[in-house]
Amino acid sequence: MTEKEYADALDKIKKGLATKVRIFVPANACPVCTALEGVYEFDDAPKLPPEGCSCLNGPMAMYAPVLDQYGP
């Protein structure tokens, strides 16, 4: 994914029902991507793709919504 595609994905999550954003990283990701794994406030979320990533097939870190609010 390109930097713009990552930015668009984060923007889409912000506009949805999510209250925060999670950076999900598979077990076989590089140390740079692995270090970013966790839950962030929208304004504190690191930009993806991370600089210095050494994943074999490109950056593996992904944004995912945190849905901790329930419907009416």
N, C-alpha and C. Protein backbone atom coordinates (compact mmCIF):
# COMPACT_ATOMS: atom_id res chain seq x y z
N MET A 1 0.83 -1.18 0.00
CA MET A 1 0.00 0.00 0.00
C MET A 1 0.88 1.24 0.00
N THR A 2 0.36 2.28 -0.61
CA THR A 2 1.09 3.54 -0.63
C THR A 2 0.79 4.35 0.63
N GLU A 3 1.58 5.39 0.86
CA GLU A 3 1.35 6.25 2.02
C GLU A 3 -0.05 6.87 1.96
N LYS A 4 -0.50 7.25 0.78
CA LYS A 4 -1.84 7.82 0.61
C LYS A 4 -2.92 6.79 0.94
N GLU A 5 -2.73 5.55 0.52
CA GLU A 5 -3.71 4.51 0.81
C GLU A 5 -3.81 4.27 2.32
N TYR A 6 -2.68 4.30 3.02
CA TYR A 6 -2.70 4.16 4.48
C TYR A 6 -3.43 5.35 5.11
N ALA A 7 -3.13 6.57 4.63
CA ALA A 7 -3.79 7.77 5.16
C ALA A 7 -5.29 7.71 4.92
N ASP A 8 -5.70 7.26 3.74
CA ASP A 8 -7.13 7.13 3.43
C ASP A 8 -7.80 6.10 4.34
N ALA A 9 -7.10 5.01 4.62
CA ALA A 9 -7.65 3.97 5.50
C ALA A 9 -7.86 4.52 6.91
N LEU A 10 -6.88 5.27 7.41
CA LEU A 10 -7.00 5.86 8.74
C LEU A 10 -8.15 6.87 8.77
N ASP A 11 -8.28 7.67 7.74
CA ASP A 11 -9.36 8.65 7.67
C ASP A 11 -10.72 7.97 7.67
N LYS A 12 -10.84 6.87 6.94
CA LYS A 12 -12.09 6.12 6.88
C LYS A 12 -12.45 5.57 8.27
N ILE A 13 -11.47 5.09 9.01
CA ILE A 13 -11.71 4.58 10.36
C ILE A 13 -12.17 5.72 11.27
N LYS A 14 -11.53 6.89 11.16
CA LYS A 14 -11.91 8.05 11.98
C LYS A 14 -13.36 8.44 11.76
N LYS A 15 -13.83 8.35 10.53
CA LYS A 15 -15.18 8.78 10.19
C LYS A 15 -16.24 7.73 10.52
N GLY A 16 -15.83 6.54 10.90
CA GLY A 16 -16.76 5.47 11.22
C GLY A 16 -17.13 5.47 12.70
N LEU A 17 -17.44 4.31 13.23
CA LEU A 17 -17.87 4.16 14.61
C LEU A 17 -16.71 3.95 15.58
N ALA A 18 -15.50 3.88 15.07
CA ALA A 18 -14.34 3.61 15.92
C ALA A 18 -14.07 4.76 16.88
N THR A 19 -13.58 4.42 18.05
CA THR A 19 -13.20 5.42 19.03
C THR A 19 -11.69 5.61 19.08
N LYS A 20 -10.97 4.60 18.61
CA LYS A 20 -9.51 4.64 18.55
C LYS A 20 -9.09 3.80 17.35
N VAL A 21 -7.79 3.77 17.10
CA VAL A 21 -7.27 2.96 16.01
C VAL A 21 -6.22 2.00 16.57
N ARG A 22 -6.24 0.79 16.08
CA ARG A 22 -5.25 -0.23 16.46
C ARG A 22 -4.31 -0.43 15.27
N ILE A 23 -3.04 -0.59 15.58
CA ILE A 23 -2.10 -1.02 14.54
C ILE A 23 -1.89 -2.50 14.77
N PHE A 24 -2.33 -3.26 13.79
CA PHE A 24 -2.25 -4.72 13.82
C PHE A 24 -1.00 -5.13 13.04
N VAL A 25 -0.24 -6.07 13.60
CA VAL A 25 0.99 -6.53 12.96
C VAL A 25 1.05 -8.05 13.04
N PRO A 26 1.18 -8.75 11.90
CA PRO A 26 1.31 -10.20 11.93
C PRO A 26 2.60 -10.64 12.65
N ALA A 27 2.63 -11.88 13.10
CA ALA A 27 3.78 -12.41 13.85
C ALA A 27 5.08 -12.40 13.06
N ASN A 28 5.00 -12.47 11.74
CA ASN A 28 6.23 -12.54 10.93
C ASN A 28 6.68 -11.17 10.41
N ALA A 29 6.17 -10.10 11.01
CA ALA A 29 6.56 -8.74 10.60
C ALA A 29 7.95 -8.40 11.14
N CYS A 30 8.57 -7.40 10.53
CA CYS A 30 9.91 -6.96 10.95
C CYS A 30 9.83 -6.24 12.30
N PRO A 31 10.97 -6.03 12.95
CA PRO A 31 10.98 -5.35 14.25
C PRO A 31 10.41 -3.92 14.21
N VAL A 32 10.60 -3.21 13.10
CA VAL A 32 10.08 -1.84 13.00
C VAL A 32 8.55 -1.86 13.04
N CYS A 33 7.94 -2.74 12.25
CA CYS A 33 6.47 -2.85 12.26
C CYS A 33 5.97 -3.37 13.60
N THR A 34 6.64 -4.37 14.16
CA THR A 34 6.23 -4.96 15.42
C THR A 34 6.23 -3.93 16.55
N ALA A 35 7.19 -3.00 16.53
CA ALA A 35 7.28 -1.99 17.58
C ALA A 35 6.09 -1.04 17.58
N LEU A 36 5.36 -0.95 16.47
CA LEU A 36 4.22 -0.04 16.37
C LEU A 36 2.91 -0.65 16.84
N GLU A 37 2.89 -1.97 17.07
CA GLU A 37 1.64 -2.65 17.41
C GLU A 37 1.05 -2.08 18.70
N GLY A 38 -0.26 -1.81 18.66
CA GLY A 38 -0.94 -1.30 19.84
C GLY A 38 -2.15 -0.47 19.46
N VAL A 39 -2.76 0.15 20.47
CA VAL A 39 -3.95 0.99 20.30
C VAL A 39 -3.55 2.44 20.52
N TYR A 40 -4.05 3.31 19.66
CA TYR A 40 -3.70 4.72 19.69
C TYR A 40 -4.93 5.61 19.58
N GLU A 41 -4.85 6.79 20.17
CA GLU A 41 -5.81 7.85 19.88
C GLU A 41 -5.54 8.24 18.42
N PHE A 42 -6.55 8.73 17.73
CA PHE A 42 -6.39 9.05 16.32
C PHE A 42 -5.22 10.00 16.06
N ASP A 43 -5.10 11.03 16.86
CA ASP A 43 -4.05 12.02 16.64
C ASP A 43 -2.65 11.51 16.98
N ASP A 44 -2.57 10.42 17.72
CA ASP A 44 -1.27 9.87 18.14
C ASP A 44 -0.82 8.68 17.31
N ALA A 45 -1.66 8.22 16.40
CA ALA A 45 -1.33 7.03 15.60
C ALA A 45 -0.14 7.31 14.68
N PRO A 46 0.85 6.43 14.69
CA PRO A 46 1.99 6.60 13.80
C PRO A 46 1.55 6.48 12.33
N LYS A 47 2.25 7.18 11.48
CA LYS A 47 1.97 7.09 10.05
C LYS A 47 2.49 5.76 9.52
N LEU A 48 1.71 5.18 8.65
CA LEU A 48 2.12 3.96 7.96
C LEU A 48 2.27 4.28 6.48
N PRO A 49 3.15 3.66 5.77
CA PRO A 49 4.08 2.62 6.19
C PRO A 49 5.21 3.21 7.03
N PRO A 50 5.73 2.43 7.96
CA PRO A 50 6.79 2.95 8.83
C PRO A 50 8.13 3.06 8.10
N GLU A 51 8.83 4.11 8.40
CA GLU A 51 10.16 4.29 7.82
C GLU A 51 11.11 3.26 8.42
N GLY A 52 11.91 2.63 7.60
CA GLY A 52 12.86 1.62 8.07
C GLY A 52 12.32 0.21 8.08
N CYS A 53 11.10 0.01 7.58
CA CYS A 53 10.51 -1.33 7.52
C CYS A 53 11.38 -2.25 6.66
N SER A 54 11.57 -3.48 7.15
CA SER A 54 12.35 -4.46 6.40
C SER A 54 11.56 -5.75 6.15
N CYS A 55 10.23 -5.66 6.18
CA CYS A 55 9.41 -6.83 5.88
C CYS A 55 9.70 -7.29 4.45
N LEU A 56 9.78 -8.59 4.24
CA LEU A 56 10.17 -9.13 2.94
C LEU A 56 9.27 -8.71 1.79
N ASN A 57 7.96 -8.67 2.02
CA ASN A 57 7.02 -8.31 0.95
C ASN A 57 6.42 -6.93 1.14
N GLY A 58 7.11 -6.06 1.83
CA GLY A 58 6.60 -4.72 2.10
C GLY A 58 5.99 -4.63 3.48
N PRO A 59 5.66 -3.42 3.90
CA PRO A 59 5.14 -3.21 5.26
C PRO A 59 3.93 -4.09 5.55
N MET A 60 3.91 -4.67 6.73
CA MET A 60 2.83 -5.57 7.12
C MET A 60 1.91 -4.97 8.17
N ALA A 61 2.28 -3.83 8.73
CA ALA A 61 1.44 -3.17 9.73
C ALA A 61 0.19 -2.62 9.05
N MET A 62 -0.95 -2.72 9.74
CA MET A 62 -2.22 -2.26 9.18
C MET A 62 -3.02 -1.53 10.24
N TYR A 63 -3.81 -0.56 9.81
CA TYR A 63 -4.75 0.10 10.71
C TYR A 63 -6.00 -0.76 10.84
N ALA A 64 -6.57 -0.78 12.03
CA ALA A 64 -7.84 -1.47 12.28
C ALA A 64 -8.63 -0.65 13.29
N PRO A 65 -9.94 -0.59 13.14
CA PRO A 65 -10.74 0.20 14.08
C PRO A 65 -10.87 -0.47 15.45
N VAL A 66 -10.96 0.34 16.49
CA VAL A 66 -11.30 -0.15 17.82
C VAL A 66 -12.75 0.24 18.04
N LEU A 67 -13.60 -0.75 18.13
CA LEU A 67 -15.04 -0.53 18.26
C LEU A 67 -15.47 -0.86 19.68
N ASP A 68 -15.32 0.09 20.58
CA ASP A 68 -15.68 -0.18 21.96
C ASP A 68 -16.95 0.52 22.40
N GLN A 69 -17.68 1.09 21.44
CA GLN A 69 -18.99 1.65 21.75
C GLN A 69 -20.06 0.72 21.20
N TYR A 70 -21.16 0.64 21.90
CA TYR A 70 -22.24 -0.22 21.47
C TYR A 70 -23.39 0.63 20.95
N GLY A 71 -24.20 0.05 20.14
CA GLY A 71 -25.33 0.75 19.54
C GLY A 71 -26.35 1.18 20.58
N PRO A 72 -27.39 1.88 20.12
CA PRO A 72 -28.40 2.42 21.04
C PRO A 72 -29.17 1.35 21.78
